[in-house]
PDB file of all heavy atoms in Angstrom:
ATOM      1  N   ASN A   1     -52.178  75.529-251.462  1.00  0.00           N
ATOM      2  CA  ASN A   1     -51.754  74.689-250.405  1.00  0.00           C
ATOM      3  C   ASN A   1     -52.541  74.917-249.114  1.00  0.00           C
ATOM      4  O   ASN A   1     -51.955  75.244-248.030  1.00  0.00           O
ATOM      5  CB  ASN A   1     -50.247  74.956-250.299  1.00  0.00           C
ATOM      6  CG  ASN A   1     -49.431  74.348-251.556  1.00  0.00           C
ATOM      7  OD1 ASN A   1     -49.674  74.947-252.549  1.00  0.00           O
ATOM      8  ND2 ASN A   1     -48.588  73.467-251.323  1.00  0.00           N
ATOM      9  N   LEU A   2     -53.812  74.673-249.082  1.00  0.00           N
ATOM     10  CA  LEU A   2     -54.670  74.618-247.917  1.00  0.00           C
ATOM     11  C   LEU A   2     -54.853  73.290-247.481  1.00  0.00           C
ATOM     12  O   LEU A   2     -54.794  72.248-248.244  1.00  0.00           O
ATOM     13  CB  LEU A   2     -55.899  75.469-248.166  1.00  0.00           C
ATOM     14  CG  LEU A   2     -55.724  76.875-248.788  1.00  0.00           C
ATOM     15  CD1 LEU A   2     -57.143  77.582-248.679  1.00  0.00           C
ATOM     16  CD2 LEU A   2     -54.714  77.623-248.065  1.00  0.00           C
ATOM     17  N   TYR A   3     -55.174  73.093-246.230  1.00  0.00           N
ATOM     18  CA  TYR A   3     -55.711  71.866-245.671  1.00  0.00           C
ATOM     19  C   TYR A   3     -57.057  72.066-245.036  1.00  0.00           C
ATOM     20  O   TYR A   3     -57.158  72.999-244.111  1.00  0.00           O
ATOM     21  CB  TYR A   3     -54.613  71.327-244.653  1.00  0.00           C
ATOM     22  CG  TYR A   3     -54.963  69.955-244.161  1.00  0.00           C
ATOM     23  CD1 TYR A   3     -54.477  68.865-244.821  1.00  0.00           C
ATOM     24  CD2 TYR A   3     -55.852  69.717-243.055  1.00  0.00           C
ATOM     25  CE1 TYR A   3     -54.808  67.558-244.468  1.00  0.00           C
ATOM     26  CE2 TYR A   3     -56.142  68.440-242.625  1.00  0.00           C
ATOM     27  CZ  TYR A   3     -55.722  67.383-243.372  1.00  0.00           C
ATOM     28  OH  TYR A   3     -55.948  66.066-242.940  1.00  0.00           O
ATOM     29  N   PHE A   4     -58.106  71.241-245.332  1.00  0.00           N
ATOM     30  CA  PHE A   4     -59.329  71.364-244.829  1.00  0.00           C
ATOM     31  C   PHE A   4     -59.517  70.123-243.945  1.00  0.00           C
ATOM     32  O   PHE A   4     -59.242  69.031-244.262  1.00  0.00           O
ATOM     33  CB  PHE A   4     -60.436  71.276-245.840  1.00  0.00           C
ATOM     34  CG  PHE A   4     -60.517  72.711-246.667  1.00  0.00           C
ATOM     35  CD1 PHE A   4     -59.658  73.721-246.279  1.00  0.00           C
ATOM     36  CD2 PHE A   4     -61.498  72.846-247.546  1.00  0.00           C
ATOM     37  CE1 PHE A   4     -59.732  75.004-246.904  1.00  0.00           C
ATOM     38  CE2 PHE A   4     -61.602  74.059-248.395  1.00  0.00           C
ATOM     39  CZ  PHE A   4     -60.759  75.058-247.985  1.00  0.00           C
ATOM     40  N   ALA A   5     -60.386  70.265-242.871  1.00  0.00           N
ATOM     41  CA  ALA A   5     -60.710  69.109-242.018  1.00  0.00           C
ATOM     42  C   ALA A   5     -62.027  69.420-241.254  1.00  0.00           C
ATOM     43  O   ALA A   5     -62.230  70.590-240.829  1.00  0.00           O
ATOM     44  CB  ALA A   5     -59.558  68.735-241.087  1.00  0.00           C
ATOM     45  N   GLU A   6     -62.860  68.464-241.143  1.00  0.00           N
ATOM     46  CA  GLU A   6     -64.087  68.563-240.275  1.00  0.00           C
ATOM     47  C   GLU A   6     -65.070  69.835-240.644  1.00  0.00           C
ATOM     48  O   GLU A   6     -65.678  70.304-239.901  1.00  0.00           O
ATOM     49  CB  GLU A   6     -63.763  68.548-238.853  1.00  0.00           C
ATOM     50  CG  GLU A   6     -64.781  68.127-237.912  1.00  0.00           C
ATOM     51  CD  GLU A   6     -64.307  68.198-236.565  1.00  0.00           C
ATOM     52  OE1 GLU A   6     -63.201  68.481-236.143  1.00  0.00           O
ATOM     53  OE2 GLU A   6     -65.191  67.736-235.664  1.00  0.00           O
ATOM     54  N   ASN A   7     -65.018  70.234-242.027  1.00  0.00           N
ATOM     55  CA  ASN A   7     -65.865  71.314-242.491  1.00  0.00           C
ATOM     56  C   ASN A   7     -67.191  70.722-242.888  1.00  0.00           C
ATOM     57  O   ASN A   7     -67.241  69.580-243.238  1.00  0.00           O
ATOM     58  CB  ASN A   7     -65.222  72.165-243.412  1.00  0.00           C
ATOM     59  CG  ASN A   7     -63.984  72.909-242.981  1.00  0.00           C
ATOM     60  OD1 ASN A   7     -64.040  73.446-241.911  1.00  0.00           O
ATOM     61  ND2 ASN A   7     -62.874  72.717-243.778  1.00  0.00           N
ATOM     62  N   GLY A   8     -68.231  71.600-242.821  1.00  0.00           N
ATOM     63  CA  GLY A   8     -69.449  71.172-243.632  1.00  0.00           C
ATOM     64  C   GLY A   8     -70.321  70.362-242.878  1.00  0.00           C
ATOM     65  O   GLY A   8     -71.295  69.847-243.425  1.00  0.00           O
ATOM     66  N   GLY A   9     -70.307  70.377-241.548  1.00  0.00           N
ATOM     67  CA  GLY A   9     -71.068  69.414-240.711  1.00  0.00           C
ATOM     68  C   GLY A   9     -72.561  69.840-240.749  1.00  0.00           C
ATOM     69  O   GLY A   9     -73.409  68.991-240.510  1.00  0.00           O
ATOM     70  N   LEU A  10     -72.858  71.089-241.112  1.00  0.00           N
ATOM     71  CA  LEU A  10     -74.185  71.574-241.272  1.00  0.00           C
ATOM     72  C   LEU A  10     -74.785  71.442-242.701  1.00  0.00           C
ATOM     73  O   LEU A  10     -76.036  71.776-242.971  1.00  0.00           O
ATOM     74  CB  LEU A  10     -74.364  72.954-240.732  1.00  0.00           C
ATOM     75  CG  LEU A  10     -73.962  73.202-239.209  1.00  0.00           C
ATOM     76  CD1 LEU A  10     -74.012  74.690-238.992  1.00  0.00           C
ATOM     77  CD2 LEU A  10     -74.819  72.519-238.347  1.00  0.00           C
ATOM     78  N   VAL A  11     -73.905  71.229-243.718  1.00  0.00           N
ATOM     79  CA  VAL A  11     -74.345  71.131-245.106  1.00  0.00           C
ATOM     80  C   VAL A  11     -73.814  69.896-245.781  1.00  0.00           C
ATOM     81  O   VAL A  11     -73.200  69.923-246.773  1.00  0.00           O
ATOM     82  CB  VAL A  11     -73.809  72.420-245.881  1.00  0.00           C
ATOM     83  CG1 VAL A  11     -74.647  73.602-245.430  1.00  0.00           C
ATOM     84  CG2 VAL A  11     -72.341  72.671-245.467  1.00  0.00           C
ATOM     85  N   ASN A  12     -74.143  68.787-245.173  1.00  0.00           N
ATOM     86  CA  ASN A  12     -73.777  67.470-245.792  1.00  0.00           C
ATOM     87  C   ASN A  12     -72.336  67.238-246.007  1.00  0.00           C
ATOM     88  O   ASN A  12     -71.894  66.605-246.953  1.00  0.00           O
ATOM     89  CB  ASN A  12     -74.606  67.288-247.026  1.00  0.00           C
ATOM     90  CG  ASN A  12     -76.169  67.374-246.813  1.00  0.00           C
ATOM     91  OD1 ASN A  12     -76.566  66.708-245.904  1.00  0.00           O
ATOM     92  ND2 ASN A  12     -76.778  68.007-247.732  1.00  0.00           N
ATOM     93  N   GLY A  13     -71.506  67.914-245.156  1.00  0.00           N
ATOM     94  CA  GLY A  13     -70.079  67.684-245.221  1.00  0.00           C
ATOM     95  C   GLY A  13     -69.419  68.377-246.335  1.00  0.00           C
ATOM     96  O   GLY A  13     -68.222  68.080-246.682  1.00  0.00           O
ATOM     97  N   ASN A  14     -70.050  69.303-247.003  1.00  0.00           N
ATOM     98  CA  ASN A  14     -69.452  70.126-248.106  1.00  0.00           C
ATOM     99  C   ASN A  14     -68.266  71.051-247.600  1.00  0.00           C
ATOM    100  O   ASN A  14     -68.566  71.924-246.794  1.00  0.00           O
ATOM    101  CB  ASN A  14     -70.467  70.985-248.776  1.00  0.00           C
ATOM    102  CG  ASN A  14     -71.369  70.008-249.627  1.00  0.00           C
ATOM    103  OD1 ASN A  14     -70.941  68.961-250.029  1.00  0.00           O
ATOM    104  ND2 ASN A  14     -72.602  70.485-249.925  1.00  0.00           N
ATOM    105  N   ASN A  15     -67.184  70.890-248.156  1.00  0.00           N
ATOM    106  CA  ASN A  15     -66.028  71.849-247.884  1.00  0.00           C
ATOM    107  C   ASN A  15     -66.102  73.016-248.758  1.00  0.00           C
ATOM    108  O   ASN A  15     -65.558  74.137-248.447  1.00  0.00           O
ATOM    109  CB  ASN A  15     -64.714  71.190-248.060  1.00  0.00           C
ATOM    110  CG  ASN A  15     -64.358  70.320-246.885  1.00  0.00           C
ATOM    111  OD1 ASN A  15     -63.837  70.788-245.809  1.00  0.00           O
ATOM    112  ND2 ASN A  15     -64.597  68.993-246.947  1.00  0.00           N
ATOM    113  N   PHE A  16     -66.782  72.754-249.827  1.00  0.00           N
ATOM    114  CA  PHE A  16     -66.812  73.825-251.086  1.00  0.00           C
ATOM    115  C   PHE A  16     -68.257  74.194-251.362  1.00  0.00           C
ATOM    116  O   PHE A  16     -69.126  73.592-250.737  1.00  0.00           O
ATOM    117  CB  PHE A  16     -66.149  73.366-252.159  1.00  0.00           C
ATOM    118  CG  PHE A  16     -64.715  72.802-252.085  1.00  0.00           C
ATOM    119  CD1 PHE A  16     -64.419  71.456-251.594  1.00  0.00           C
ATOM    120  CD2 PHE A  16     -63.658  73.651-252.145  1.00  0.00           C
ATOM    121  CE1 PHE A  16     -63.085  71.120-251.402  1.00  0.00           C
ATOM    122  CE2 PHE A  16     -62.396  73.223-251.935  1.00  0.00           C
ATOM    123  CZ  PHE A  16     -62.116  71.930-251.549  1.00  0.00           C
ATOM    124  N   ASP A  17     -68.353  75.276-252.231  1.00  0.00           N
ATOM    125  CA  ASP A  17     -69.784  75.462-252.753  1.00  0.00           C
ATOM    126  C   ASP A  17     -70.297  74.335-253.384  1.00  0.00           C
ATOM    127  O   ASP A  17     -69.781  73.660-254.127  1.00  0.00           O
ATOM    128  CB  ASP A  17     -69.723  76.699-253.707  1.00  0.00           C
ATOM    129  CG  ASP A  17     -69.542  78.041-253.005  1.00  0.00           C
ATOM    130  OD1 ASP A  17     -69.840  78.208-251.823  1.00  0.00           O
ATOM    131  OD2 ASP A  17     -68.858  78.914-253.582  1.00  0.00           O
ATOM    132  N   ALA A  18     -71.592  74.183-253.104  1.00  0.00           N
ATOM    133  CA  ALA A  18     -72.334  72.953-253.804  1.00  0.00           C
ATOM    134  C   ALA A  18     -72.417  73.197-255.240  1.00  0.00           C
ATOM    135  O   ALA A  18     -72.484  74.402-255.694  1.00  0.00           O
ATOM    136  CB  ALA A  18     -73.701  72.670-253.049  1.00  0.00           C
ATOM    137  N   ALA A  19     -72.714  72.206-256.024  1.00  0.00           N
ATOM    138  CA  ALA A  19     -72.889  72.341-257.460  1.00  0.00           C
ATOM    139  C   ALA A  19     -74.098  73.212-257.698  1.00  0.00           C
ATOM    140  O   ALA A  19     -75.133  73.012-257.129  1.00  0.00           O
ATOM    141  CB  ALA A  19     -73.068  71.092-258.060  1.00  0.00           C
ATOM    142  N   GLY A  20     -73.853  74.232-258.557  1.00  0.00           N
ATOM    143  CA  GLY A  20     -74.960  75.067-258.962  1.00  0.00           C
ATOM    144  C   GLY A  20     -75.236  76.216-257.889  1.00  0.00           C
ATOM    145  O   GLY A  20     -76.157  76.996-258.129  1.00  0.00           O
ATOM    146  N   SER A  21     -74.351  76.243-256.957  1.00  0.00           N
ATOM    147  CA  SER A  21     -74.488  77.458-255.950  1.00  0.00           C
ATOM    148  C   SER A  21     -73.180  78.085-255.944  1.00  0.00           C
ATOM    149  O   SER A  21     -72.052  77.599-255.537  1.00  0.00           O
ATOM    150  CB  SER A  21     -74.677  76.762-254.489  1.00  0.00           C
ATOM    151  OG  SER A  21     -74.734  77.838-253.578  1.00  0.00           O
ATOM    152  N   ASN A  22     -73.208  79.430-256.223  1.00  0.00           N
ATOM    153  CA  ASN A  22     -71.890  80.266-256.115  1.00  0.00           C
ATOM    154  C   ASN A  22     -70.879  79.744-257.172  1.00  0.00           C
ATOM    155  O   ASN A  22     -71.195  79.038-258.138  1.00  0.00           O
ATOM    156  CB  ASN A  22     -71.503  80.415-254.714  1.00  0.00           C
ATOM    157  CG  ASN A  22     -72.529  81.066-253.746  1.00  0.00           C
ATOM    158  OD1 ASN A  22     -73.240  81.861-254.057  1.00  0.00           O
ATOM    159  ND2 ASN A  22     -72.514  80.312-252.577  1.00  0.00           N
ATOM    160  N   PHE A  23     -69.527  79.935-256.769  1.00  0.00           N
ATOM    161  CA  PHE A  23     -68.617  79.695-257.887  1.00  0.00           C
ATOM    162  C   PHE A  23     -67.403  78.908-257.245  1.00  0.00           C
ATOM    163  O   PHE A  23     -66.351  78.687-257.938  1.00  0.00           O
ATOM    164  CB  PHE A  23     -68.131  80.894-258.501  1.00  0.00           C
ATOM    165  CG  PHE A  23     -69.200  81.634-259.256  1.00  0.00           C
ATOM    166  CD1 PHE A  23     -70.010  82.532-258.674  1.00  0.00           C
ATOM    167  CD2 PHE A  23     -69.346  81.257-260.657  1.00  0.00           C
ATOM    168  CE1 PHE A  23     -71.041  83.258-259.401  1.00  0.00           C
ATOM    169  CE2 PHE A  23     -70.325  82.048-261.360  1.00  0.00           C
ATOM    170  CZ  PHE A  23     -71.129  82.993-260.679  1.00  0.00           C
ATOM    171  N   GLY A  24     -67.489  78.557-256.042  1.00  0.00           N
ATOM    172  CA  GLY A  24     -66.360  77.811-255.405  1.00  0.00           C
ATOM    173  C   GLY A  24     -66.337  76.389-255.246  1.00  0.00           C
ATOM    174  O   GLY A  24     -66.212  75.830-254.116  1.00  0.00           O
ATOM    175  N   GLN A  25     -66.795  75.640-256.285  1.00  0.00           N
ATOM    176  CA  GLN A  25     -66.840  74.263-256.238  1.00  0.00           C
ATOM    177  C   GLN A  25     -65.432  73.689-256.158  1.00  0.00           C
ATOM    178  O   GLN A  25     -64.458  74.313-256.655  1.00  0.00           O
ATOM    179  CB  GLN A  25     -67.532  73.725-257.402  1.00  0.00           C
ATOM    180  CG  GLN A  25     -69.089  73.935-257.454  1.00  0.00           C
ATOM    181  CD  GLN A  25     -69.459  75.435-257.770  1.00  0.00           C
ATOM    182  OE1 GLN A  25     -68.755  75.978-258.575  1.00  0.00           O
ATOM    183  NE2 GLN A  25     -70.534  75.956-257.286  1.00  0.00           N
ATOM    184  N   GLU A  26     -65.259  72.519-255.643  1.00  0.00           N
ATOM    185  CA  GLU A  26     -64.000  71.707-255.524  1.00  0.00           C
ATOM    186  C   GLU A  26     -63.309  71.773-256.880  1.00  0.00           C
ATOM    187  O   GLU A  26     -62.120  71.885-257.031  1.00  0.00           O
ATOM    188  CB  GLU A  26     -64.180  70.428-254.905  1.00  0.00           C
ATOM    189  CG  GLU A  26     -62.829  69.762-254.622  1.00  0.00           C
ATOM    190  CD  GLU A  26     -63.001  68.428-253.745  1.00  0.00           C
ATOM    191  OE1 GLU A  26     -64.120  67.935-253.644  1.00  0.00           O
ATOM    192  OE2 GLU A  26     -61.877  67.767-253.465  1.00  0.00           O
ATOM    193  N   SER A  27     -64.153  71.404-257.865  1.00  0.00           N
ATOM    194  CA  SER A  27     -63.639  71.246-259.259  1.00  0.00           C
ATOM    195  C   SER A  27     -62.887  72.549-259.802  1.00  0.00           C
ATOM    196  O   SER A  27     -61.945  72.485-260.486  1.00  0.00           O
ATOM    197  CB  SER A  27     -64.656  70.736-260.246  1.00  0.00           C
ATOM    198  OG  SER A  27     -65.708  71.789-260.327  1.00  0.00           O
ATOM    199  N   ALA A  28     -63.543  73.719-259.331  1.00  0.00           N
ATOM    200  CA  ALA A  28     -62.949  74.889-259.752  1.00  0.00           C
ATOM    201  C   ALA A  28     -61.537  75.239-259.142  1.00  0.00           C
ATOM    202  O   ALA A  28     -60.614  75.563-259.861  1.00  0.00           O
ATOM    203  CB  ALA A  28     -63.882  76.181-259.361  1.00  0.00           C
ATOM    204  N   PHE A  29     -61.426  74.815-257.810  1.00  0.00           N
ATOM    205  CA  PHE A  29     -60.066  74.998-257.291  1.00  0.00           C
ATOM    206  C   PHE A  29     -59.104  73.920-257.913  1.00  0.00           C
ATOM    207  O   PHE A  29     -57.847  74.217-257.926  1.00  0.00           O
ATOM    208  CB  PHE A  29     -60.239  74.755-255.832  1.00  0.00           C
ATOM    209  CG  PHE A  29     -60.959  75.878-255.103  1.00  0.00           C
ATOM    210  CD1 PHE A  29     -62.270  75.963-254.739  1.00  0.00           C
ATOM    211  CD2 PHE A  29     -60.267  77.238-254.835  1.00  0.00           C
ATOM    212  CE1 PHE A  29     -62.957  76.989-254.160  1.00  0.00           C
ATOM    213  CE2 PHE A  29     -60.830  78.173-254.190  1.00  0.00           C
ATOM    214  CZ  PHE A  29     -62.174  78.095-253.909  1.00  0.00           C
ATOM    215  N   THR A  30     -59.523  72.707-258.200  1.00  0.00           N
ATOM    216  CA  THR A  30     -58.721  71.787-258.842  1.00  0.00           C
ATOM    217  C   THR A  30     -58.190  72.355-260.197  1.00  0.00           C
ATOM    218  O   THR A  30     -56.985  72.162-260.513  1.00  0.00           O
ATOM    219  CB  THR A  30     -59.422  70.367-258.961  1.00  0.00           C
ATOM    220  OG1 THR A  30     -59.692  69.905-257.613  1.00  0.00           O
ATOM    221  CG2 THR A  30     -58.500  69.395-259.563  1.00  0.00           C
ATOM    222  N   ALA A  31     -59.066  72.863-260.885  1.00  0.00           N
ATOM    223  CA  ALA A  31     -58.628  73.353-262.235  1.00  0.00           C
ATOM    224  C   ALA A  31     -57.616  74.519-262.162  1.00  0.00           C
ATOM    225  O   ALA A  31     -56.884  74.720-263.055  1.00  0.00           O
ATOM    226  CB  ALA A  31     -59.921  73.826-262.963  1.00  0.00           C
ATOM    227  N   ARG A  32     -57.621  75.273-260.912  1.00  0.00           N
ATOM    228  CA  ARG A  32     -56.742  76.387-260.962  1.00  0.00           C
ATOM    229  C   ARG A  32     -55.518  75.899-260.104  1.00  0.00           C
ATOM    230  O   ARG A  32     -54.707  76.804-259.590  1.00  0.00           O
ATOM    231  CB  ARG A  32     -57.433  77.452-260.167  1.00  0.00           C
ATOM    232  CG  ARG A  32     -58.596  78.019-260.755  1.00  0.00           C
ATOM    233  CD  ARG A  32     -58.522  78.434-262.244  1.00  0.00           C
ATOM    234  NE  ARG A  32     -57.433  79.486-262.386  1.00  0.00           N
ATOM    235  CZ  ARG A  32     -56.888  79.841-263.563  1.00  0.00           C
ATOM    236  NH1 ARG A  32     -57.314  79.149-264.656  1.00  0.00           N
ATOM    237  NH2 ARG A  32     -56.016  80.748-263.580  1.00  0.00           N
ATOM    238  N   ASN A  33     -55.323  74.575-259.878  1.00  0.00           N
ATOM    239  CA  ASN A  33     -54.113  74.090-259.113  1.00  0.00           C
ATOM    240  C   ASN A  33     -53.993  74.603-257.752  1.00  0.00           C
ATOM    241  O   ASN A  33     -52.849  75.051-257.236  1.00  0.00           O
ATOM    242  CB  ASN A  33     -52.865  74.398-260.027  1.00  0.00           C
ATOM    243  CG  ASN A  33     -52.890  73.732-261.362  1.00  0.00           C
ATOM    244  OD1 ASN A  33     -53.172  72.521-261.388  1.00  0.00           O
ATOM    245  ND2 ASN A  33     -52.527  74.370-262.390  1.00  0.00           N
ATOM    246  N   SER A  34     -55.030  74.779-257.032  1.00  0.00           N
ATOM    247  CA  SER A  34     -55.038  75.318-255.751  1.00  0.00           C
ATOM    248  C   SER A  34     -54.423  74.392-254.692  1.00  0.00           C
ATOM    249  O   SER A  34     -53.958  74.792-253.630  1.00  0.00           O
ATOM    250  CB  SER A  34     -56.483  75.702-255.311  1.00  0.00           C
ATOM    251  OG  SER A  34     -57.055  76.731-256.096  1.00  0.00           O
ATOM    252  N   ASN A  35     -54.374  73.128-254.907  1.00  0.00           N
ATOM    253  CA  ASN A  35     -53.748  72.219-253.975  1.00  0.00           C
ATOM    254  C   ASN A  35     -54.380  72.216-252.627  1.00  0.00           C
ATOM    255  O   ASN A  35     -53.763  72.449-251.711  1.00  0.00           O
ATOM    256  CB  ASN A  35     -52.242  72.391-253.975  1.00  0.00           C
ATOM    257  CG  ASN A  35     -51.553  71.206-253.212  1.00  0.00           C
ATOM    258  OD1 ASN A  35     -51.996  70.095-253.257  1.00  0.00           O
ATOM    259  ND2 ASN A  35     -50.403  71.542-252.865  1.00  0.00           N
ATOM    260  N   ILE A  36     -55.694  72.191-252.624  1.00  0.00           N
ATOM    261  CA  ILE A  36     -56.349  71.984-251.353  1.00  0.00           C
ATOM    262  C   ILE A  36     -56.538  70.654-250.908  1.00  0.00           C
ATOM    263  O   ILE A  36     -57.185  69.802-251.766  1.00  0.00           O
ATOM    264  CB  ILE A  36     -57.753  72.838-251.359  1.00  0.00           C
ATOM    265  CG1 ILE A  36     -57.613  74.242-251.616  1.00  0.00           C
ATOM    266  CG2 ILE A  36     -58.495  72.631-250.068  1.00  0.00           C
ATOM    267  CD1 ILE A  36     -58.834  75.024-251.895  1.00  0.00           C
TER     268      ILE A  36
END
C-alpha cells in the first residue's frame, strides 16, 4: 500500500526497475500483491 507520484524524471518516467535491470519491475510488485 504505497503511493508513487512524479518519480523517474531522469529515467523516462520509470517508477520501478526497467525491464532487464535489477529485480524491482512493476510486474514483480504486482505479482506479490504490493498494491503500489
